[in-house]
Protein backbone atom coordinates (compact mmCIF):
# COMPACT_ATOMS: atom_id res chain seq x y z
CA ALA A 1 -22.29 29.07 46.39
CA GLY A 2 -18.72 30.57 46.65
CA SER A 3 -17.06 33.63 47.56
CA ILE A 4 -13.47 34.60 46.80
CA HIS A 5 -11.33 36.97 49.28
CA PRO A 6 -8.11 38.60 47.58
CA ARG A 7 -5.83 39.29 50.55
CA GLN A 8 -2.58 41.20 51.00
CA VAL A 9 0.42 38.72 51.87
CA ASP A 10 2.25 40.63 54.07
CA THR A 11 -0.76 41.25 56.52
CA GLY A 12 -2.97 38.66 55.73
CA SER A 13 -5.96 41.57 55.72
CA ARG A 14 -8.57 41.26 52.81
CA ILE A 15 -8.54 43.69 50.15
CA ALA A 16 -11.83 42.46 48.49
CA ALA A 17 -14.92 40.66 48.70
CA LEU A 18 -16.05 38.66 45.62
CA ARG A 19 -19.47 37.59 45.06
CA GLN A 20 -22.13 37.59 42.76
CA PRO A 21 -25.75 38.00 44.33
CA GLY A 22 -28.03 34.59 43.92
CA GLU A 23 -24.79 32.87 42.57
CA ARG A 24 -25.32 28.80 42.88
CA GLY A 25 -22.31 27.40 41.52
CA SER A 26 -18.99 26.76 43.63
CA VAL A 27 -15.78 27.95 43.06
CA ALA A 28 -13.51 25.30 41.25
CA THR A 29 -10.09 26.78 40.79
CA LEU A 30 -8.94 30.52 41.01
CA THR A 31 -6.14 32.22 39.13
CA LEU A 32 -4.76 35.45 39.25
CA ASP A 33 -3.58 37.05 35.67
CA PRO A 34 0.11 37.99 35.12
CA SER A 35 -0.88 41.67 35.20
CA GLU A 36 -2.75 41.08 38.45
CA THR A 37 -5.82 42.94 37.56
CA PHE A 38 -7.63 39.97 37.19
CA VAL A 39 -8.64 36.98 39.43
CA VAL A 40 -9.95 34.23 37.16
CA SER A 41 -12.37 31.58 38.82
CA THR A 42 -13.95 28.62 37.45
CA SER A 43 -17.30 27.31 38.70
CA SER A 44 -19.32 23.92 38.87
CA ASP A 45 -22.13 25.27 37.05
CA GLY A 46 -19.64 25.76 34.00
CA GLU A 47 -18.60 29.77 34.25
CA VAL A 48 -15.44 30.97 33.78
CA ARG A 49 -15.39 34.58 35.43
CA ALA A 50 -12.70 37.59 35.36
CA TRP A 51 -13.27 39.69 38.45
CA ASN A 52 -11.78 43.35 38.45
CA LEU A 53 -10.18 43.56 42.13
CA GLU A 54 -10.46 47.32 41.96
CA SER A 55 -14.11 47.36 40.89
CA GLU A 56 -15.04 43.98 42.37
CA THR A 57 -17.22 43.15 39.89
CA VAL A 58 -17.34 40.54 37.00
CA ALA A 59 -15.45 41.61 33.97
CA TRP A 60 -16.74 38.98 31.93
CA ARG A 61 -18.14 35.45 32.06
CA ILE A 62 -17.76 32.81 29.62
CA GLY A 63 -19.77 28.93 29.68
CA HIS A 64 -18.98 25.90 29.21
CA SER A 65 -22.01 23.49 29.51
CA GLU A 66 -20.64 21.72 32.72
CA ARG A 67 -18.20 22.31 35.29
CA ALA A 68 -15.28 24.27 34.23
CA ASP A 69 -12.11 22.41 35.56
CA GLY A 70 -9.27 24.77 35.20
CA ILE A 71 -7.80 27.69 32.77
CA HIS A 72 -4.01 28.49 31.76
CA PHE A 73 -2.92 31.85 30.92
CA HIS A 74 -1.09 32.24 27.20
CA PRO A 75 2.62 32.61 28.15
CA THR A 76 2.65 36.14 26.30
CA ASP A 77 -0.64 37.18 24.69
CA ASP A 78 -3.55 38.15 26.41
CA VAL A 79 -5.65 34.81 25.89
CA LEU A 80 -6.69 32.05 27.88
CA LEU A 81 -7.45 27.97 27.45
CA SER A 82 -10.38 26.86 29.76
CA TYR A 83 -11.02 23.10 29.70
CA SER A 84 -14.34 21.34 31.25
CA GLU A 85 -16.11 18.03 32.04
CA ASP A 86 -18.45 18.70 28.86
CA GLY A 87 -15.38 17.49 26.87
CA THR A 88 -13.99 20.64 25.26
CA CYS A 89 -10.90 23.10 25.45
CA GLN A 90 -11.64 26.40 24.43
CA ILE A 91 -9.53 29.48 23.65
CA TRP A 92 -10.68 32.93 24.77
CA ASP A 93 -9.80 36.58 24.44
CA LEU A 94 -8.90 37.92 28.13
CA SER A 95 -9.96 41.36 27.50
CA THR A 96 -13.42 40.65 25.99
CA GLY A 97 -14.18 37.11 27.20
CA THR A 98 -14.70 36.41 23.52
CA SER A 99 -14.08 32.54 21.97
CA GLY A 100 -11.91 31.61 19.56
CA LYS A 101 -10.70 28.24 18.97
CA ILE A 102 -12.79 24.94 20.60
CA ILE A 103 -10.81 21.86 20.83
CA SER A 104 -13.41 18.84 21.40
CA GLY A 105 -12.83 15.73 22.56
CA GLY A 106 -16.45 14.23 20.97
CA GLU A 107 -17.93 11.95 23.62
CA ALA A 108 -15.37 12.29 26.07
CA ALA A 109 -16.64 12.86 29.68
CA GLN A 110 -13.83 15.61 30.27
CA SER A 111 -10.73 17.12 29.12
CA TRP A 112 -7.33 18.60 29.89
CA CYS A 113 -5.37 21.27 27.89
CA GLU A 114 -2.01 23.00 28.42
CA TRP A 115 -0.38 25.50 26.27
CA THR A 116 2.89 24.40 24.62
CA PRO A 117 6.10 26.19 26.22
CA ASP A 118 6.29 28.80 23.23
CA GLY A 119 2.30 29.33 23.20
CA ALA A 120 2.73 28.13 19.45
CA GLY A 121 0.06 25.17 20.17
CA VAL A 122 -2.22 23.29 22.62
CA VAL A 123 -1.94 20.22 24.12
CA PHE A 124 -5.30 18.41 24.88
CA SER A 125 -6.06 15.21 26.32
CA PRO A 126 -10.10 14.13 26.17
CA PHE A 127 -10.49 11.28 28.62
CA ASP A 128 -10.35 8.66 26.40
CA GLY A 129 -6.68 7.81 26.56
CA SER A 130 -5.45 9.65 23.90
CA ILE A 131 -3.09 12.76 23.87
CA GLU A 132 -3.26 15.50 21.18
CA LEU A 133 -0.77 18.50 19.81
CA HIS A 134 -2.96 21.43 18.21
CA ALA A 135 -1.57 24.16 16.38
CA LEU A 136 -3.62 27.44 16.63
CA ASP A 137 -4.36 27.29 12.69
CA ASP A 138 -6.15 24.75 11.29
CA LYS A 139 -3.70 22.06 10.74
CA PRO A 140 -4.94 18.77 11.66
CA PRO A 141 -3.61 17.92 15.27
CA ILE A 142 -0.88 15.23 15.88
CA ARG A 143 -2.45 12.56 17.97
CA ALA A 144 -1.03 9.49 20.04
CA ASP A 145 -3.46 6.91 21.09
CA ALA A 146 -0.92 6.82 24.57
CA LEU A 147 -2.74 4.56 27.04
CA GLU A 148 -5.64 2.00 27.10
CA ALA A 149 -7.31 3.96 30.19
CA PRO A 150 -8.29 7.23 29.99
CA ILE A 151 -5.09 9.94 30.93
CA ILE A 152 -5.68 11.92 34.30
CA ASP A 153 -2.53 14.44 34.45
CA VAL A 154 -0.47 15.71 31.86
CA ALA A 155 3.12 17.29 32.34
CA VAL A 156 4.55 19.45 29.66
CA ALA A 157 8.21 20.75 29.82
CA LYS A 158 9.29 24.24 30.02
CA ASP A 159 12.10 24.37 27.71
CA ARG A 160 11.78 21.51 25.07
CA GLU A 161 9.33 19.37 23.46
CA ALA A 162 8.72 16.75 26.51
CA ILE A 163 5.53 15.49 27.82
CA ALA A 164 4.31 12.95 30.11
CA ALA A 165 0.96 11.61 31.19
CA ALA A 166 -0.51 9.47 33.63
CA SER A 167 -3.48 7.15 33.20
CA VAL A 168 -6.52 5.81 35.62
CA ASN A 169 -4.54 2.69 35.54
CA ASN A 170 -1.61 4.58 37.38
CA ASP A 171 0.57 4.12 34.33
CA VAL A 172 3.48 7.11 33.19
CA LEU A 173 4.02 7.64 29.85
CA TYR A 174 6.83 9.54 28.41
CA TRP A 175 7.77 11.43 25.12
CA PRO A 176 10.96 12.81 24.89
CA ASN A 177 10.54 14.70 21.63
CA GLY A 178 7.17 15.59 21.13
CA LEU A 179 4.04 13.40 20.37
CA GLU A 180 5.59 12.50 16.73
CA ASN A 181 7.23 9.43 18.20
CA ASP A 182 5.95 6.46 20.20
CA GLY A 183 5.99 7.30 23.88
CA ILE A 184 8.29 5.37 26.70
CA LEU A 185 6.29 3.50 29.68
CA LEU A 186 8.13 4.58 32.73
CA GLY A 187 6.25 2.37 34.60
CA GLN A 188 3.29 2.40 36.98
CA MET A 189 2.39 3.88 40.42
CA PRO A 190 0.94 2.12 43.10
CA ASP A 191 -2.51 4.39 43.37
CA TRP A 192 -3.85 7.36 41.39
CA LEU A 193 -1.58 10.46 41.05
CA THR A 194 -2.06 13.67 42.62
CA GLU A 195 1.09 15.30 41.24
CA LEU A 196 2.93 15.09 37.77
CA SER A 197 5.57 17.64 36.82
CA PHE A 198 9.13 18.11 35.59
CA MET A 199 11.66 19.45 37.92
CA THR A 200 13.61 22.51 36.61
CA SER A 201 16.47 20.82 34.63
CA GLY A 202 13.93 18.98 32.17
CA GLN A 203 15.59 15.73 32.93
CA ASP A 204 13.88 14.44 35.62
CA LEU A 205 10.22 13.54 36.10
CA VAL A 206 8.23 13.86 39.65
CA ALA A 207 5.06 11.74 40.27
CA ALA A 208 3.30 11.67 43.73
CA SER A 209 0.20 9.33 44.64
CA PHE A 210 -2.40 9.29 46.96
CA ASP A 211 -1.05 6.29 49.28
CA GLY A 212 2.24 8.77 49.87
CA THR A 213 4.65 7.31 47.31
CA VAL A 214 6.88 9.93 45.68
CA SER A 215 8.90 8.77 42.87
CA ILE A 216 11.58 10.70 40.56
CA TRP A 217 12.50 9.21 37.44
CA SER A 218 15.96 9.88 35.70
CA LEU A 219 14.94 11.21 31.54
CA ASP A 220 17.96 9.48 30.19
CA ALA A 221 17.71 5.95 29.67
CA PRO A 222 17.52 3.67 31.24
CA TYR A 223 15.21 6.21 33.13
CA ARG A 224 15.94 4.68 36.51
CA LYS A 225 13.25 5.38 39.46
CA THR A 226 13.98 6.35 42.86
CA ASN A 227 11.45 7.06 45.52
CA LEU A 228 11.51 9.57 48.15
CA ASP A 229 12.79 8.27 51.49
CA TRP A 230 9.85 9.65 54.12
CA PRO A 231 7.63 8.14 56.98
CA LYS A 232 5.35 7.48 54.13
CA GLU A 233 1.46 8.11 54.94
CA PRO A 234 -1.68 9.01 53.01
CA ILE A 235 -1.55 12.50 51.08
CA GLY A 236 -4.42 14.48 50.07
CA ARG A 237 -2.67 16.81 47.92
CA ALA A 238 1.09 17.17 46.75
CA ASN A 239 2.48 20.32 44.76
CA LEU A 240 5.78 21.19 43.27
CA SER A 241 7.63 24.13 44.10
CA THR A 242 7.73 27.03 41.12
CA ASP A 243 11.46 26.07 40.89
CA GLY A 244 10.91 22.39 40.65
CA ASP A 245 13.03 21.58 43.14
CA SER A 246 10.98 20.78 46.17
CA ILE A 247 8.04 19.10 46.66
CA LEU A 248 4.86 19.95 49.59
CA LEU A 249 2.99 16.96 51.04
CA PHE A 250 -0.38 17.84 52.90
CA THR A 251 -0.85 14.50 54.54
CA ASP A 252 -4.63 13.26 55.48
CA SER A 253 -3.57 13.76 59.24
CA GLY A 254 -3.27 17.82 58.43
CA LYS A 255 0.24 18.08 58.26
CA ALA A 256 2.32 20.06 55.30
CA LEU A 257 5.76 18.83 55.00
CA LEU A 258 8.45 20.24 52.27
CA TYR A 259 10.98 18.28 51.15
CA SER A 260 13.88 18.93 49.26
CA LEU A 261 13.96 16.81 45.65
CA ILE A 262 17.52 17.88 45.46
CA THR A 263 18.96 16.30 48.47
CA GLN A 264 15.77 14.43 49.32
CA THR A 265 15.66 15.71 53.10
CA LEU A 266 12.92 17.26 54.74
CA VAL A 267 13.31 21.31 54.70
CA ASP A 268 10.19 22.05 57.44
CA GLN A 269 6.49 21.00 58.01
CA PHE A 270 3.77 22.61 59.93
CA GLU A 271 0.20 21.49 60.82
CA PRO A 272 -2.73 23.44 59.25
CA GLY A 273 -5.23 20.78 60.46
CA ARG A 274 -7.21 18.37 58.02
CA ALA A 275 -9.13 20.11 55.08
CA VAL A 276 -11.90 18.95 53.15
CA ARG A 277 -10.06 19.98 50.34
CA ASN A 278 -6.47 20.15 50.36
CA ALA A 279 -5.66 22.95 48.35
CA ILE A 280 -2.11 24.25 48.68
CA GLU A 281 -0.37 26.53 46.52
CA PHE A 282 3.49 28.18 46.18
CA PHE A 283 3.82 31.67 45.66
CA SER A 284 5.98 32.83 42.73
CA ASP A 285 9.22 33.43 44.81
CA GLY A 286 9.29 30.04 45.64
CA LYS A 287 9.84 30.45 49.22
CA ARG A 288 6.38 30.80 50.77
CA VAL A 289 3.08 28.59 50.27
CA VAL A 290 -0.46 28.88 51.10
CA VAL A 291 -2.37 26.09 52.34
CA ALA A 292 -6.08 25.57 53.44
CA GLY A 293 -6.56 24.22 56.80
CA GLU A 294 -9.34 23.21 58.71
CA GLU A 295 -12.46 24.92 59.88
CA ALA A 296 -12.27 27.62 56.65
CA THR A 297 -9.02 28.77 57.49
CA ALA A 298 -5.88 29.01 55.08
CA TRP A 299 -2.12 29.65 56.33
CA ILE A 300 0.76 31.42 54.69
CA TRP A 301 3.77 29.62 55.27
CA LYS A 302 7.68 30.44 54.85
CA PRO A 303 9.68 27.68 56.54
CA ASP A 304 11.83 28.39 59.33
CA THR A 305 9.13 31.10 60.32
CA GLN A 306 5.91 31.28 61.77
CA ALA A 307 2.72 30.52 59.66
CA VAL A 308 0.10 33.50 59.40
CA GLU A 309 -3.62 32.32 59.45
CA LEU A 310 -6.39 33.70 57.14
CA SER A 311 -9.99 33.70 58.51
CA GLY A 312 -13.08 35.05 57.17
CA HIS A 313 -14.90 32.34 55.09
CA ALA A 314 -17.80 30.66 56.08
CA SER A 315 -17.28 27.20 54.67
CA TRP A 316 -14.06 25.12 53.81
CA ILE A 317 -11.98 26.80 51.07
CA SER A 318 -11.92 24.93 47.83
CA SER A 319 -8.86 26.93 45.68
CA LEU A 320 -6.20 28.99 46.04
CA ALA A 321 -4.14 30.78 43.81
């Protein structure tokens, strides 16, 4: 069973303990709502729960028939998306937990979805190699049969219609102007991807794979690729900073390394230890990260300063927000 421990950032002290008596599912992902009133968790049992931080109770819960893999808040409105291994993406009212539009991948084993930057639509990918753009009304979706193999990661540019996707075959595809036009095959990574994101400018795409390869594609033709020059080793997780200009690599040996993608140099590193799940998350200021380490610990780390250890969980940490 999973428990959630909200903490004060500056002191590391716990401000609440969120757990449902008799709960059987483990926590899959965590997200803090923009108003910082709710913590929304997804679960291995398919439930999405909104926890009220003040009362330490569940404000509402919604359900998928299979594991709920993640959620995304709308850019401006109090609604969210949830996606699941039941092959659906659902839109929910954040204040009441009532369901609205349901996007289905048919017989697909799982799905992924994200809001478009303006919040007017949903980019949806069932686990069948296709990718779709859904309007919030009843207009038919725009569909691209993108790749022969299932898509495992999608990136949506923040300030334009560009979309990128990666498949289980490690192909990386790019649509400069939305799905109405054919995608461009940028290339292939040597291993499964752990990160796919646009940099801040929107003119570069970053991909990281489990073997430690970090590639940066220029999105101006002829789409040249460069690889991050670092003492490459296998990584369990990679995460782009909130400003999109740095990447944090969590190696299988238990090191956290922060690299600048602008200068392609090492900014700083520390060793939180190996973890069962290499959960890492940047703070909104882009200057600090929280990293899950060994023995159910987490660390708040700002480069060039001493990391602060957080403890109190009884088992390994699966998600951070």
